[in-house]
Amino acid sequence: MAWELTDDRPIYLQLMEHIQGNILSGIYPLGGKLPSVRDLAADASVNPNTMQKALSELERIGLLYSQRTSGRFVTEDEKLIRSLQSSIAEKEIAEFLKKMERYGLTKEDIINLIK
């Protein structure tokens, strides 16, 4: 997935979301090793310090963990992954429903369209 960074929000947050998306979609599998900070930063065209901040925040929430000499790895906690997937899905669905309501559609209209 390409790095699409914008100026409207802090870069480290966008990096976190991108890496989190790669974890939740399985691009970075449970227990899998992440590329180095420098490699990720070069790939995203950002400063390594910015990438380091994003990775540290992902460690703080438990999605990543470090092994002193081996690098960073994705959590093996499937419950955490499923919880994050559900949380993101709920947020996206709520935003979608608000947008559709602005267009005059009710939840029932949307359900019928989905069917």
C-alpha atoms as a PDB file:
ATOM      1  CA  MET A   1       0.000   0.000   0.000  1.00  0.00           C
ATOM      2  CA  ALA A   2       1.440   3.368  -1.029  1.00  0.00           C
ATOM      3  CA  TRP A   3       2.212   6.036   1.545  1.00  0.00           C
ATOM      4  CA  GLU A   4      -0.242   8.889   0.924  1.00  0.00           C
ATOM      5  CA  LEU A   5       0.694  11.595   3.396  1.00  0.00           C
ATOM      6  CA  THR A   6      -1.087  14.943   3.563  1.00  0.00           C
ATOM      7  CA  ASP A   7      -0.414  18.266   5.285  1.00  0.00           C
ATOM      8  CA  ASP A   8      -3.720  18.389   7.164  1.00  0.00           C
ATOM      9  CA  ARG A   9      -2.643  16.171  10.095  1.00  0.00           C
ATOM     10  CA  PRO A  10       0.600  15.286  11.870  1.00  0.00           C
ATOM     11  CA  ILE A  11       2.772  13.003   9.732  1.00  0.00           C
ATOM     12  CA  TYR A  12       3.516  10.577  12.573  1.00  0.00           C
ATOM     13  CA  LEU A  13      -0.233   9.944  13.036  1.00  0.00           C
ATOM     14  CA  GLN A  14      -0.604   9.189   9.340  1.00  0.00           C
ATOM     15  CA  LEU A  15       2.383   6.836   9.528  1.00  0.00           C
ATOM     16  CA  MET A  16       0.818   5.095  12.522  1.00  0.00           C
ATOM     17  CA  GLU A  17      -2.471   4.635  10.659  1.00  0.00           C
ATOM     18  CA  HIS A  18      -0.703   3.295   7.594  1.00  0.00           C
ATOM     19  CA  ILE A  19       1.330   0.751   9.565  1.00  0.00           C
ATOM     20  CA  GLN A  20      -1.707  -0.160  11.670  1.00  0.00           C
ATOM     21  CA  GLY A  21      -3.661  -0.742   8.460  1.00  0.00           C
ATOM     22  CA  ASN A  22      -0.897  -3.002   7.166  1.00  0.00           C
ATOM     23  CA  ILE A  23      -1.017  -4.985  10.411  1.00  0.00           C
ATOM     24  CA  LEU A  24      -4.806  -5.274  10.500  1.00  0.00           C
ATOM     25  CA  SER A  25      -4.973  -6.334   6.855  1.00  0.00           C
ATOM     26  CA  GLY A  26      -2.269  -8.959   7.320  1.00  0.00           C
ATOM     27  CA  ILE A  27       0.414  -7.322   5.174  1.00  0.00           C
ATOM     28  CA  TYR A  28       2.511  -7.431   8.346  1.00  0.00           C
ATOM     29  CA  PRO A  29       1.444 -10.776   9.885  1.00  0.00           C
ATOM     30  CA  LEU A  30       1.071 -11.521  13.591  1.00  0.00           C
ATOM     31  CA  GLY A  31       4.512 -12.045  15.075  1.00  0.00           C
ATOM     32  CA  GLY A  32       6.146 -10.831  11.868  1.00  0.00           C
ATOM     33  CA  LYS A  33       9.241  -8.659  11.820  1.00  0.00           C
ATOM     34  CA  LEU A  34       8.881  -5.084  10.583  1.00  0.00           C
ATOM     35  CA  PRO A  35      11.434  -3.485   8.285  1.00  0.00           C
ATOM     36  CA  SER A  36      13.952  -1.248  10.033  1.00  0.00           C
ATOM     37  CA  VAL A  37      13.123   2.338  10.984  1.00  0.00           C
ATOM     38  CA  ARG A  38      15.463   3.603   8.273  1.00  0.00           C
ATOM     39  CA  ASP A  39      13.925   1.358   5.612  1.00  0.00           C
ATOM     40  CA  LEU A  40      10.375   2.346   6.543  1.00  0.00           C
ATOM     41  CA  ALA A  41      11.336   6.032   6.664  1.00  0.00           C
ATOM     42  CA  ALA A  42      13.016   5.832   3.246  1.00  0.00           C
ATOM     43  CA  ASP A  43      10.002   4.026   1.791  1.00  0.00           C
ATOM     44  CA  ALA A  44       7.627   6.688   3.173  1.00  0.00           C
ATOM     45  CA  SER A  45      10.015   9.561   2.325  1.00  0.00           C
ATOM     46  CA  VAL A  46      10.016  10.856   5.893  1.00  0.00           C
ATOM     47  CA  ASN A  47      12.638  11.622   8.520  1.00  0.00           C
ATOM     48  CA  PRO A  48      13.665   8.505  10.514  1.00  0.00           C
ATOM     49  CA  ASN A  49      12.893  10.393  13.745  1.00  0.00           C
ATOM     50  CA  THR A  50       9.292  10.847  12.612  1.00  0.00           C
ATOM     51  CA  MET A  51       9.017   7.144  11.780  1.00  0.00           C
ATOM     52  CA  GLN A  52      10.582   6.294  15.152  1.00  0.00           C
ATOM     53  CA  LYS A  53       7.888   8.350  16.903  1.00  0.00           C
ATOM     54  CA  ALA A  54       5.124   6.526  15.011  1.00  0.00           C
ATOM     55  CA  LEU A  55       6.589   3.112  15.812  1.00  0.00           C
ATOM     56  CA  SER A  56       7.060   4.017  19.476  1.00  0.00           C
ATOM     57  CA  GLU A  57       3.396   5.009  19.707  1.00  0.00           C
ATOM     58  CA  LEU A  58       2.367   1.705  18.109  1.00  0.00           C
ATOM     59  CA  GLU A  59       4.495  -0.062  20.713  1.00  0.00           C
ATOM     60  CA  ARG A  60       2.815   1.954  23.454  1.00  0.00           C
ATOM     61  CA  ILE A  61      -0.639   0.720  22.397  1.00  0.00           C
ATOM     62  CA  GLY A  62       0.604  -2.855  22.119  1.00  0.00           C
ATOM     63  CA  LEU A  63       0.544  -3.419  18.349  1.00  0.00           C
ATOM     64  CA  LEU A  64       4.315  -3.724  18.164  1.00  0.00           C
ATOM     65  CA  TYR A  65       7.036  -4.907  20.504  1.00  0.00           C
ATOM     66  CA  SER A  66      10.813  -4.604  20.377  1.00  0.00           C
ATOM     67  CA  GLN A  67      13.478  -7.203  20.867  1.00  0.00           C
ATOM     68  CA  ARG A  68      16.685  -5.456  21.803  1.00  0.00           C
ATOM     69  CA  THR A  69      18.957  -6.733  19.034  1.00  0.00           C
ATOM     70  CA  SER A  70      16.405  -8.149  16.600  1.00  0.00           C
ATOM     71  CA  GLY A  71      14.140  -5.205  15.788  1.00  0.00           C
ATOM     72  CA  ARG A  72      10.409  -4.639  16.012  1.00  0.00           C
ATOM     73  CA  PHE A  73       7.711  -7.252  15.660  1.00  0.00           C
ATOM     74  CA  VAL A  74       3.936  -7.280  15.296  1.00  0.00           C
ATOM     75  CA  THR A  75       2.006  -8.421  18.339  1.00  0.00           C
ATOM     76  CA  GLU A  76       0.735 -11.981  18.420  1.00  0.00           C
ATOM     77  CA  ASP A  77      -2.363 -10.898  20.374  1.00  0.00           C
ATOM     78  CA  GLU A  78      -5.251 -11.831  18.058  1.00  0.00           C
ATOM     79  CA  LYS A  79      -7.779 -10.423  20.533  1.00  0.00           C
ATOM     80  CA  LEU A  80      -6.149  -6.971  20.281  1.00  0.00           C
ATOM     81  CA  ILE A  81      -6.142  -7.159  16.478  1.00  0.00           C
ATOM     82  CA  ARG A  82      -9.829  -8.132  16.333  1.00  0.00           C
ATOM     83  CA  SER A  83     -10.713  -5.393  18.819  1.00  0.00           C
ATOM     84  CA  LEU A  84      -8.943  -2.758  16.709  1.00  0.00           C
ATOM     85  CA  GLN A  85     -10.600  -4.065  13.536  1.00  0.00           C
ATOM     86  CA  SER A  86     -14.027  -3.799  15.170  1.00  0.00           C
ATOM     87  CA  SER A  87     -13.304  -0.336  16.544  1.00  0.00           C
ATOM     88  CA  ILE A  88     -12.191   0.978  13.160  1.00  0.00           C
ATOM     89  CA  ALA A  89     -15.148  -0.643  11.397  1.00  0.00           C
ATOM     90  CA  GLU A  90     -17.606   0.929  13.849  1.00  0.00           C
ATOM     91  CA  LYS A  91     -16.041   4.358  13.354  1.00  0.00           C
ATOM     92  CA  GLU A  92     -16.097   4.065   9.555  1.00  0.00           C
ATOM     93  CA  ILE A  93     -19.707   2.818   9.532  1.00  0.00           C
ATOM     94  CA  ALA A  94     -20.825   5.692  11.777  1.00  0.00           C
ATOM     95  CA  GLU A  95     -19.148   8.218   9.464  1.00  0.00           C
ATOM     96  CA  PHE A  96     -20.736   6.563   6.418  1.00  0.00           C
ATOM     97  CA  LEU A  97     -24.195   6.654   8.016  1.00  0.00           C
ATOM     98  CA  LYS A  98     -23.817  10.355   8.884  1.00  0.00           C
ATOM     99  CA  LYS A  99     -22.812  11.122   5.324  1.00  0.00           C
ATOM    100  CA  MET A 100     -25.747   9.187   3.869  1.00  0.00           C
ATOM    101  CA  GLU A 101     -28.147  10.915   6.264  1.00  0.00           C
ATOM    102  CA  ARG A 102     -26.921  14.250   4.865  1.00  0.00           C
ATOM    103  CA  TYR A 103     -28.060  12.940   1.474  1.00  0.00           C
ATOM    104  CA  GLY A 104     -31.490  12.198   2.912  1.00  0.00           C
ATOM    105  CA  LEU A 105     -31.156   8.432   3.266  1.00  0.00           C
ATOM    106  CA  THR A 106     -32.351   6.591   6.365  1.00  0.00           C
ATOM    107  CA  LYS A 107     -30.662   3.526   7.822  1.00  0.00           C
ATOM    108  CA  GLU A 108     -33.456   1.431   6.343  1.00  0.00           C
ATOM    109  CA  ASP A 109     -32.828   2.954   2.882  1.00  0.00           C
ATOM    110  CA  ILE A 110     -29.156   2.107   3.189  1.00  0.00           C
ATOM    111  CA  ILE A 111     -29.862  -1.465   4.322  1.00  0.00           C
ATOM    112  CA  ASN A 112     -32.186  -1.948   1.342  1.00  0.00           C
ATOM    113  CA  LEU A 113     -29.518  -0.608  -1.018  1.00  0.00           C
ATOM    114  CA  ILE A 114     -26.946  -2.975   0.456  1.00  0.00           C
ATOM    115  CA  LYS A 115     -29.292  -5.944  -0.031  1.00  0.00           C
END
